[in-house]
Amino acid sequence: MPVFESVFESTVERRPALRPVASTAAPGRGLLPVVPALHGVVPEGGLRRGTAVSVAGGDAGLLLALAAGVRETDGGWAAAVGLPDLGLAAAAGYGLDLRRLLVADDPGPHWAEVVSVLAGAVELIMLRPDGPVPPNLAARLAAVLRRSGCVLLVAGPWPGAGLRLGVRSGRWFGLGDGHGQLTGRQVEVVAEGRGSAVLGRTARLWLPDARGAVRTVEEPAVGPAADGGYQDVYGAGEDVVSGAGTGLDRMAVV
């Protein structure tokens, strides 16, 4: 694969010129922040820089929720590769700064080259590959991630991913008897992986809530009120879709 060889060999030399801002890791731990609602499910309370994270089933809400923490860094730059259906309004609702989001909708078979170059310019990349990823290509990109400190969020499986997350069950709220408007989704998120994540962690989240944000189920539930303020809207709702499973291999993404 000579075309990839040249990209991987030259990434280090190009990186200083491409990065819009210097990456600043969490003190002493090298972590990219995540939103508070994900602290309980993500080991160490953040995403380890220079690693790949797999989102089982490619759940768009979970992908955006994981990416939203990049706004807490000094740079705050992110990229979306191979995700033409990614909702920009939803991304903004979860907290991503669209002014600092680079988008490559359809890189086709050259997605790995695009990721390799962008890893030197942004702190986080959301990716959907155009097919199964060969382990040798994943290993090459892993080396690029380690050098750059970029976090790769993959919509789907990824060889050698240190952390895997997915939606195990979900319930939509807002629909009445055949009518109404969806106001939020309550899900159970599970995380599995190596090291501190090996035993698995779970959390119940609104993904999203009525305002398009992510928060834990235990937090007060608020939504738009008639007077322009906010009121509790999640006291009841129709169980539109639900599922259950015992692991990432039985994820029901809803």
C-alpha atoms as a PDB file:
ATOM      1  CA  MET A   1       0.000   0.000   0.000  1.00  0.00           C
ATOM      2  CA  PRO A   2       2.555   2.618  -1.118  1.00  0.00           C
ATOM      3  CA  VAL A   3       0.097   5.500  -1.036  1.00  0.00           C
ATOM      4  CA  PHE A   4      -0.348   5.032   2.723  1.00  0.00           C
ATOM      5  CA  GLU A   5       3.391   4.580   3.278  1.00  0.00           C
ATOM      6  CA  SER A   6       4.129   8.089   2.046  1.00  0.00           C
ATOM      7  CA  VAL A   7       1.361   9.600   4.182  1.00  0.00           C
ATOM      8  CA  PHE A   8       2.413   7.857   7.382  1.00  0.00           C
ATOM      9  CA  GLU A   9       6.091   8.617   6.875  1.00  0.00           C
ATOM     10  CA  SER A  10       5.471  12.327   6.308  1.00  0.00           C
ATOM     11  CA  THR A  11       2.849  12.960   8.991  1.00  0.00           C
ATOM     12  CA  VAL A  12       5.371  13.821  11.686  1.00  0.00           C
ATOM     13  CA  GLU A  13       7.072  16.468   9.540  1.00  0.00           C
ATOM     14  CA  ARG A  14       3.755  18.082   8.594  1.00  0.00           C
ATOM     15  CA  ARG A  15       2.165  18.033  12.042  1.00  0.00           C
ATOM     16  CA  PRO A  16       3.491  21.336  13.487  1.00  0.00           C
ATOM     17  CA  ALA A  17       2.241  23.324  10.491  1.00  0.00           C
ATOM     18  CA  LEU A  18      -1.176  21.660  10.457  1.00  0.00           C
ATOM     19  CA  ARG A  19      -2.196  21.876  14.093  1.00  0.00           C
ATOM     20  CA  PRO A  20      -4.324  25.047  14.551  1.00  0.00           C
ATOM     21  CA  VAL A  21      -3.524  25.188  18.268  1.00  0.00           C
ATOM     22  CA  ALA A  22      -1.296  23.307  20.661  1.00  0.00           C
ATOM     23  CA  SER A  23      -2.860  20.279  22.317  1.00  0.00           C
ATOM     24  CA  THR A  24      -3.106  20.535  26.086  1.00  0.00           C
ATOM     25  CA  ALA A  25      -3.554  17.246  27.932  1.00  0.00           C
ATOM     26  CA  ALA A  26      -5.243  16.923  31.309  1.00  0.00           C
ATOM     27  CA  PRO A  27      -2.610  17.466  34.030  1.00  0.00           C
ATOM     28  CA  GLY A  28      -0.547  14.342  34.523  1.00  0.00           C
ATOM     29  CA  ARG A  29      -2.916  11.956  32.786  1.00  0.00           C
ATOM     30  CA  GLY A  30      -2.972  12.770  29.088  1.00  0.00           C
ATOM     31  CA  LEU A  31      -6.760  12.735  28.886  1.00  0.00           C
ATOM     32  CA  LEU A  32      -9.179  14.468  26.565  1.00  0.00           C
ATOM     33  CA  PRO A  33     -12.142  15.684  28.652  1.00  0.00           C
ATOM     34  CA  VAL A  34     -15.639  14.251  28.316  1.00  0.00           C
ATOM     35  CA  VAL A  35     -18.900  15.908  29.330  1.00  0.00           C
ATOM     36  CA  PRO A  36     -19.819  15.405  33.021  1.00  0.00           C
ATOM     37  CA  ALA A  37     -22.600  12.910  32.216  1.00  0.00           C
ATOM     38  CA  LEU A  38     -19.999  10.472  30.842  1.00  0.00           C
ATOM     39  CA  HIS A  39     -17.557  10.665  33.766  1.00  0.00           C
ATOM     40  CA  GLY A  40     -19.074   7.589  35.401  1.00  0.00           C
ATOM     41  CA  VAL A  41     -18.880   5.332  32.347  1.00  0.00           C
ATOM     42  CA  VAL A  42     -15.575   6.395  30.780  1.00  0.00           C
ATOM     43  CA  PRO A  43     -12.556   5.041  32.712  1.00  0.00           C
ATOM     44  CA  GLU A  44     -10.439   7.774  34.321  1.00  0.00           C
ATOM     45  CA  GLY A  45     -13.139  10.300  33.459  1.00  0.00           C
ATOM     46  CA  GLY A  46     -11.706  11.097  30.022  1.00  0.00           C
ATOM     47  CA  LEU A  47     -10.495   9.676  26.702  1.00  0.00           C
ATOM     48  CA  ARG A  48      -6.821   8.778  26.657  1.00  0.00           C
ATOM     49  CA  ARG A  49      -5.051  10.852  24.032  1.00  0.00           C
ATOM     50  CA  GLY A  50      -3.448   9.004  21.151  1.00  0.00           C
ATOM     51  CA  THR A  51      -5.932   6.097  21.232  1.00  0.00           C
ATOM     52  CA  ALA A  52      -8.877   4.764  19.229  1.00  0.00           C
ATOM     53  CA  VAL A  53     -12.342   4.320  20.775  1.00  0.00           C
ATOM     54  CA  SER A  54     -14.987   2.101  19.175  1.00  0.00           C
ATOM     55  CA  VAL A  55     -18.687   3.046  19.330  1.00  0.00           C
ATOM     56  CA  ALA A  56     -20.656  -0.164  18.798  1.00  0.00           C
ATOM     57  CA  GLY A  57     -23.327   0.136  16.121  1.00  0.00           C
ATOM     58  CA  GLY A  58     -22.128   3.624  15.254  1.00  0.00           C
ATOM     59  CA  ASP A  59     -24.755   5.287  17.471  1.00  0.00           C
ATOM     60  CA  ALA A  60     -24.686   8.945  16.369  1.00  0.00           C
ATOM     61  CA  GLY A  61     -25.860  10.345  19.702  1.00  0.00           C
ATOM     62  CA  LEU A  62     -23.182   8.520  21.667  1.00  0.00           C
ATOM     63  CA  LEU A  63     -20.536   9.493  19.120  1.00  0.00           C
ATOM     64  CA  LEU A  64     -21.413  13.185  19.446  1.00  0.00           C
ATOM     65  CA  ALA A  65     -21.661  12.998  23.234  1.00  0.00           C
ATOM     66  CA  LEU A  66     -18.141  11.545  23.438  1.00  0.00           C
ATOM     67  CA  ALA A  67     -16.812  14.193  21.076  1.00  0.00           C
ATOM     68  CA  ALA A  68     -18.419  17.124  22.895  1.00  0.00           C
ATOM     69  CA  GLY A  69     -15.735  17.241  25.598  1.00  0.00           C
ATOM     70  CA  VAL A  70     -13.207  18.597  23.083  1.00  0.00           C
ATOM     71  CA  ARG A  71     -14.717  22.040  23.648  1.00  0.00           C
ATOM     72  CA  GLU A  72     -13.084  22.049  27.110  1.00  0.00           C
ATOM     73  CA  THR A  73      -9.561  22.022  25.631  1.00  0.00           C
ATOM     74  CA  ASP A  74      -7.543  25.075  24.676  1.00  0.00           C
ATOM     75  CA  GLY A  75      -7.831  24.224  20.984  1.00  0.00           C
ATOM     76  CA  GLY A  76     -11.216  22.575  20.725  1.00  0.00           C
ATOM     77  CA  TRP A  77     -10.742  21.423  17.117  1.00  0.00           C
ATOM     78  CA  ALA A  78     -12.466  18.253  15.897  1.00  0.00           C
ATOM     79  CA  ALA A  79     -13.137  16.566  12.555  1.00  0.00           C
ATOM     80  CA  ALA A  80     -15.778  14.248  11.077  1.00  0.00           C
ATOM     81  CA  VAL A  81     -14.667  11.839   8.347  1.00  0.00           C
ATOM     82  CA  GLY A  82     -17.002   9.591   6.342  1.00  0.00           C
ATOM     83  CA  LEU A  83     -20.122  10.794   8.181  1.00  0.00           C
ATOM     84  CA  PRO A  84     -22.261  12.544   5.527  1.00  0.00           C
ATOM     85  CA  ASP A  85     -25.438  12.043   7.589  1.00  0.00           C
ATOM     86  CA  LEU A  86     -24.018  13.631  10.729  1.00  0.00           C
ATOM     87  CA  GLY A  87     -26.501  16.245  11.921  1.00  0.00           C
ATOM     88  CA  LEU A  88     -24.735  19.555  12.479  1.00  0.00           C
ATOM     89  CA  ALA A  89     -27.646  20.902  14.507  1.00  0.00           C
ATOM     90  CA  ALA A  90     -27.430  17.833  16.736  1.00  0.00           C
ATOM     91  CA  ALA A  91     -23.654  18.294  17.021  1.00  0.00           C
ATOM     92  CA  ALA A  92     -24.169  21.872  18.187  1.00  0.00           C
ATOM     93  CA  GLY A  93     -26.826  20.712  20.657  1.00  0.00           C
ATOM     94  CA  TYR A  94     -24.396  18.272  22.249  1.00  0.00           C
ATOM     95  CA  GLY A  95     -21.875  21.098  22.614  1.00  0.00           C
ATOM     96  CA  LEU A  96     -19.516  20.892  19.640  1.00  0.00           C
ATOM     97  CA  ASP A  97     -18.323  24.230  18.262  1.00  0.00           C
ATOM     98  CA  LEU A  98     -19.195  24.099  14.560  1.00  0.00           C
ATOM     99  CA  ARG A  99     -16.644  26.841  13.884  1.00  0.00           C
ATOM    100  CA  ARG A 100     -13.957  24.377  14.963  1.00  0.00           C
ATOM    101  CA  LEU A 101     -15.293  21.295  13.197  1.00  0.00           C
ATOM    102  CA  LEU A 102     -13.658  20.093   9.965  1.00  0.00           C
ATOM    103  CA  VAL A 103     -15.841  17.853   7.783  1.00  0.00           C
ATOM    104  CA  ALA A 104     -14.786  15.360   5.103  1.00  0.00           C
ATOM    105  CA  ASP A 105     -18.116  13.843   4.117  1.00  0.00           C
ATOM    106  CA  ASP A 106     -17.019  11.308   1.520  1.00  0.00           C
ATOM    107  CA  PRO A 107     -13.295  10.513   1.450  1.00  0.00           C
ATOM    108  CA  GLY A 108     -14.019   7.134  -0.167  1.00  0.00           C
ATOM    109  CA  PRO A 109     -11.143   4.648  -0.128  1.00  0.00           C
ATOM    110  CA  HIS A 110      -8.729   7.416   0.917  1.00  0.00           C
ATOM    111  CA  TRP A 111     -10.256   7.814   4.379  1.00  0.00           C
ATOM    112  CA  ALA A 112      -7.086   6.544   6.084  1.00  0.00           C
ATOM    113  CA  GLU A 113      -4.979   9.209   4.378  1.00  0.00           C
ATOM    114  CA  VAL A 114      -7.460  11.876   5.476  1.00  0.00           C
ATOM    115  CA  VAL A 115      -7.398  10.636   9.080  1.00  0.00           C
ATOM    116  CA  SER A 116      -3.597  10.506   9.060  1.00  0.00           C
ATOM    117  CA  VAL A 117      -3.289  14.127   7.959  1.00  0.00           C
ATOM    118  CA  LEU A 118      -6.085  15.461  10.194  1.00  0.00           C
ATOM    119  CA  ALA A 119      -4.598  13.734  13.246  1.00  0.00           C
ATOM    120  CA  GLY A 120      -1.833  16.325  13.089  1.00  0.00           C
ATOM    121  CA  ALA A 121      -4.308  19.207  12.974  1.00  0.00           C
ATOM    122  CA  VAL A 122      -7.135  18.413  15.406  1.00  0.00           C
ATOM    123  CA  GLU A 123      -7.559  16.876  18.829  1.00  0.00           C
ATOM    124  CA  LEU A 124     -10.390  14.481  18.008  1.00  0.00           C
ATOM    125  CA  ILE A 125     -11.653  12.736  14.863  1.00  0.00           C
ATOM    126  CA  MET A 126     -15.039  11.047  14.393  1.00  0.00           C
ATOM    127  CA  LEU A 127     -14.778   8.383  11.693  1.00  0.00           C
ATOM    128  CA  ARG A 128     -16.882   5.877   9.796  1.00  0.00           C
ATOM    129  CA  PRO A 129     -14.589   3.769   7.562  1.00  0.00           C
ATOM    130  CA  ASP A 130     -15.927   2.704   4.184  1.00  0.00           C
ATOM    131  CA  GLY A 131     -15.585  -0.986   5.087  1.00  0.00           C
ATOM    132  CA  PRO A 132     -13.834  -3.463   7.383  1.00  0.00           C
ATOM    133  CA  VAL A 133     -10.503  -2.155   8.644  1.00  0.00           C
ATOM    134  CA  PRO A 134      -7.478  -4.448   8.135  1.00  0.00           C
ATOM    135  CA  PRO A 135      -5.484  -4.907  11.358  1.00  0.00           C
ATOM    136  CA  ASN A 136      -2.251  -3.737   9.687  1.00  0.00           C
ATOM    137  CA  LEU A 137      -3.879  -0.464   8.609  1.00  0.00           C
ATOM    138  CA  ALA A 138      -5.342   0.030  12.098  1.00  0.00           C
ATOM    139  CA  ALA A 139      -1.836  -0.493  13.520  1.00  0.00           C
ATOM    140  CA  ARG A 140      -0.390   2.144  11.190  1.00  0.00           C
ATOM    141  CA  LEU A 141      -3.041   4.650  12.200  1.00  0.00           C
ATOM    142  CA  ALA A 142      -2.493   3.761  15.864  1.00  0.00           C
ATOM    143  CA  ALA A 143       1.125   4.881  15.468  1.00  0.00           C
ATOM    144  CA  VAL A 144      -0.053   8.182  13.955  1.00  0.00           C
ATOM    145  CA  LEU A 145      -2.473   8.701  16.856  1.00  0.00           C
ATOM    146  CA  ARG A 146       0.237   8.061  19.433  1.00  0.00           C
ATOM    147  CA  ARG A 147       2.564  10.594  17.829  1.00  0.00           C
ATOM    148  CA  SER A 148      -0.071  13.290  17.465  1.00  0.00           C
ATOM    149  CA  GLY A 149      -2.061  12.691  20.651  1.00  0.00           C
ATOM    150  CA  CYS A 150      -5.303  12.758  18.650  1.00  0.00           C
ATOM    151  CA  VAL A 151      -8.313  10.695  19.805  1.00  0.00           C
ATOM    152  CA  LEU A 152     -10.103   8.642  17.133  1.00  0.00           C
ATOM    153  CA  LEU A 153     -13.809   7.897  17.703  1.00  0.00           C
ATOM    154  CA  VAL A 154     -14.871   5.145  15.308  1.00  0.00           C
ATOM    155  CA  ALA A 155     -18.504   4.494  14.401  1.00  0.00           C
ATOM    156  CA  GLY A 156     -18.286   0.706  14.458  1.00  0.00           C
ATOM    157  CA  PRO A 157     -15.615  -1.894  15.260  1.00  0.00           C
ATOM    158  CA  TRP A 158     -11.908  -1.072  15.275  1.00  0.00           C
ATOM    159  CA  PRO A 159      -9.044  -3.587  15.599  1.00  0.00           C
ATOM    160  CA  GLY A 160      -7.150  -3.037  18.830  1.00  0.00           C
ATOM    161  CA  ALA A 161      -9.481  -0.394  20.269  1.00  0.00           C
ATOM    162  CA  GLY A 162      -8.602   0.132  23.933  1.00  0.00           C
ATOM    163  CA  LEU A 163     -12.151   1.218  24.789  1.00  0.00           C
ATOM    164  CA  ARG A 164     -15.503   0.133  23.358  1.00  0.00           C
ATOM    165  CA  LEU A 165     -18.819   1.788  24.148  1.00  0.00           C
ATOM    166  CA  GLY A 166     -22.347   1.143  22.975  1.00  0.00           C
ATOM    167  CA  VAL A 167     -26.030   1.646  23.678  1.00  0.00           C
ATOM    168  CA  ARG A 168     -27.501  -1.473  25.280  1.00  0.00           C
ATOM    169  CA  SER A 169     -31.114  -0.357  25.553  1.00  0.00           C
ATOM    170  CA  GLY A 170     -33.120   2.753  24.784  1.00  0.00           C
ATOM    171  CA  ARG A 171     -36.492   4.406  25.190  1.00  0.00           C
ATOM    172  CA  TRP A 172     -37.878   7.430  23.339  1.00  0.00           C
ATOM    173  CA  PHE A 173     -40.190   9.929  25.031  1.00  0.00           C
ATOM    174  CA  GLY A 174     -42.686  12.409  23.646  1.00  0.00           C
ATOM    175  CA  LEU A 175     -45.031  10.393  21.444  1.00  0.00           C
ATOM    176  CA  GLY A 176     -48.647  10.050  22.489  1.00  0.00           C
ATOM    177  CA  ASP A 177     -51.305   7.758  20.974  1.00  0.00           C
ATOM    178  CA  GLY A 178     -49.962   7.873  17.418  1.00  0.00           C
ATOM    179  CA  HIS A 179     -49.045  11.545  17.556  1.00  0.00           C
ATOM    180  CA  GLY A 180     -46.709  13.998  19.218  1.00  0.00           C
ATOM    181  CA  GLN A 181     -43.062  15.018  18.969  1.00  0.00           C
ATOM    182  CA  LEU A 182     -40.024  13.165  20.268  1.00  0.00           C
ATOM    183  CA  THR A 183     -38.592  15.046  23.249  1.00  0.00           C
ATOM    184  CA  GLY A 184     -35.744  12.817  24.366  1.00  0.00           C
ATOM    185  CA  ARG A 185     -34.175   9.368  24.523  1.00  0.00           C
ATOM    186  CA  GLN A 186     -33.212   7.523  27.670  1.00  0.00           C
ATOM    187  CA  VAL A 187     -30.503   4.888  27.167  1.00  0.00           C
ATOM    188  CA  GLU A 188     -28.187   2.559  29.030  1.00  0.00           C
ATOM    189  CA  VAL A 189     -24.593   2.974  27.897  1.00  0.00           C
ATOM    190  CA  VAL A 190     -21.994   0.291  28.524  1.00  0.00           C
ATOM    191  CA  ALA A 191     -18.209   0.643  28.267  1.00  0.00           C
ATOM    192  CA  GLU A 192     -15.737  -2.225  28.021  1.00  0.00           C
ATOM    193  CA  GLY A 193     -12.051  -2.443  27.226  1.00  0.00           C
ATOM    194  CA  ARG A 194      -8.606  -3.048  28.587  1.00  0.00           C
ATOM    195  CA  GLY A 195      -7.020  -1.980  31.836  1.00  0.00           C
ATOM    196  CA  SER A 196      -9.362  -0.047  34.116  1.00  0.00           C
ATOM    197  CA  ALA A 197     -12.276  -0.654  31.719  1.00  0.00           C
ATOM    198  CA  VAL A 198     -11.946  -4.436  31.532  1.00  0.00           C
ATOM    199  CA  LEU A 199     -14.846  -5.193  33.889  1.00  0.00           C
ATOM    200  CA  GLY A 200     -17.240  -2.878  32.089  1.00  0.00           C
ATOM    201  CA  ARG A 201     -19.170   0.161  33.287  1.00  0.00           C
ATOM    202  CA  THR A 202     -22.736   1.262  32.682  1.00  0.00           C
ATOM    203  CA  ALA A 203     -24.652   4.524  32.956  1.00  0.00           C
ATOM    204  CA  ARG A 204     -28.241   5.626  32.328  1.00  0.00           C
ATOM    205  CA  LEU A 205     -28.334   8.796  30.263  1.00  0.00           C
ATOM    206  CA  TRP A 206     -30.630  11.135  28.406  1.00  0.00           C
ATOM    207  CA  LEU A 207     -29.146  10.970  24.910  1.00  0.00           C
ATOM    208  CA  PRO A 208     -30.387  13.560  24.074  1.00  0.00           C
ATOM    209  CA  ASP A 209     -32.705  15.396  26.450  1.00  0.00           C
ATOM    210  CA  ALA A 210     -35.330  17.957  25.436  1.00  0.00           C
ATOM    211  CA  ARG A 211     -32.675  20.572  24.724  1.00  0.00           C
ATOM    212  CA  GLY A 212     -30.537  18.229  22.626  1.00  0.00           C
ATOM    213  CA  ALA A 213     -27.879  17.752  25.316  1.00  0.00           C
ATOM    214  CA  VAL A 214     -26.584  14.695  27.186  1.00  0.00           C
ATOM    215  CA  ARG A 215     -27.086  14.280  30.941  1.00  0.00           C
ATOM    216  CA  THR A 216     -27.572  11.522  33.488  1.00  0.00           C
ATOM    217  CA  VAL A 217     -31.049  10.247  34.245  1.00  0.00           C
ATOM    218  CA  GLU A 218     -30.620  11.294  37.874  1.00  0.00           C
ATOM    219  CA  GLU A 219     -30.257  14.973  36.963  1.00  0.00           C
ATOM    220  CA  PRO A 220     -33.428  17.118  37.036  1.00  0.00           C
ATOM    221  CA  ALA A 221     -35.372  16.765  33.804  1.00  0.00           C
ATOM    222  CA  VAL A 222     -36.328  20.059  32.187  1.00  0.00           C
ATOM    223  CA  GLY A 223     -37.880  21.076  28.913  1.00  0.00           C
ATOM    224  CA  PRO A 224     -39.473  24.117  27.245  1.00  0.00           C
ATOM    225  CA  ALA A 225     -42.428  25.627  29.060  1.00  0.00           C
ATOM    226  CA  ALA A 226     -45.232  27.749  27.635  1.00  0.00           C
ATOM    227  CA  ASP A 227     -43.859  30.919  29.252  1.00  0.00           C
ATOM    228  CA  GLY A 228     -40.474  30.518  27.604  1.00  0.00           C
ATOM    229  CA  GLY A 229     -38.831  28.984  30.673  1.00  0.00           C
ATOM    230  CA  TYR A 230     -38.277  25.302  31.411  1.00  0.00           C
ATOM    231  CA  GLN A 231     -40.373  22.688  33.158  1.00  0.00           C
ATOM    232  CA  ASP A 232     -40.216  18.963  33.972  1.00  0.00           C
ATOM    233  CA  VAL A 233     -41.274  17.025  30.867  1.00  0.00           C
ATOM    234  CA  TYR A 234     -40.067  13.500  31.555  1.00  0.00           C
ATOM    235  CA  GLY A 235     -42.545  12.301  34.113  1.00  0.00           C
ATOM    236  CA  ALA A 236     -44.135   9.954  31.589  1.00  0.00           C
ATOM    237  CA  GLY A 237     -43.808   8.913  27.993  1.00  0.00           C
ATOM    238  CA  GLU A 238     -44.389   6.194  25.465  1.00  0.00           C
ATOM    239  CA  ASP A 239     -41.905   3.351  25.345  1.00  0.00           C
ATOM    240  CA  VAL A 240     -41.298   3.622  21.608  1.00  0.00           C
ATOM    241  CA  VAL A 241     -38.325   1.301  21.243  1.00  0.00           C
ATOM    242  CA  SER A 242     -36.443  -0.737  23.799  1.00  0.00           C
ATOM    243  CA  GLY A 243     -33.951  -3.539  23.852  1.00  0.00           C
ATOM    244  CA  ALA A 244     -31.601  -5.428  26.120  1.00  0.00           C
ATOM    245  CA  GLY A 245     -28.355  -7.307  25.923  1.00  0.00           C
ATOM    246  CA  THR A 246     -25.549  -8.805  27.907  1.00  0.00           C
ATOM    247  CA  GLY A 247     -22.569  -7.291  26.113  1.00  0.00           C
ATOM    248  CA  LEU A 248     -21.341  -5.254  23.197  1.00  0.00           C
ATOM    249  CA  ASP A 249     -21.914  -8.194  20.868  1.00  0.00           C
ATOM    250  CA  ARG A 250     -25.654  -7.959  21.605  1.00  0.00           C
ATOM    251  CA  MET A 251     -26.088  -4.229  21.420  1.00  0.00           C
ATOM    252  CA  ALA A 252     -29.513  -2.960  20.419  1.00  0.00           C
ATOM    253  CA  VAL A 253     -28.879   0.491  19.036  1.00  0.00           C
ATOM    254  CA  VAL A 254     -32.097   2.502  18.958  1.00  0.00           C
END
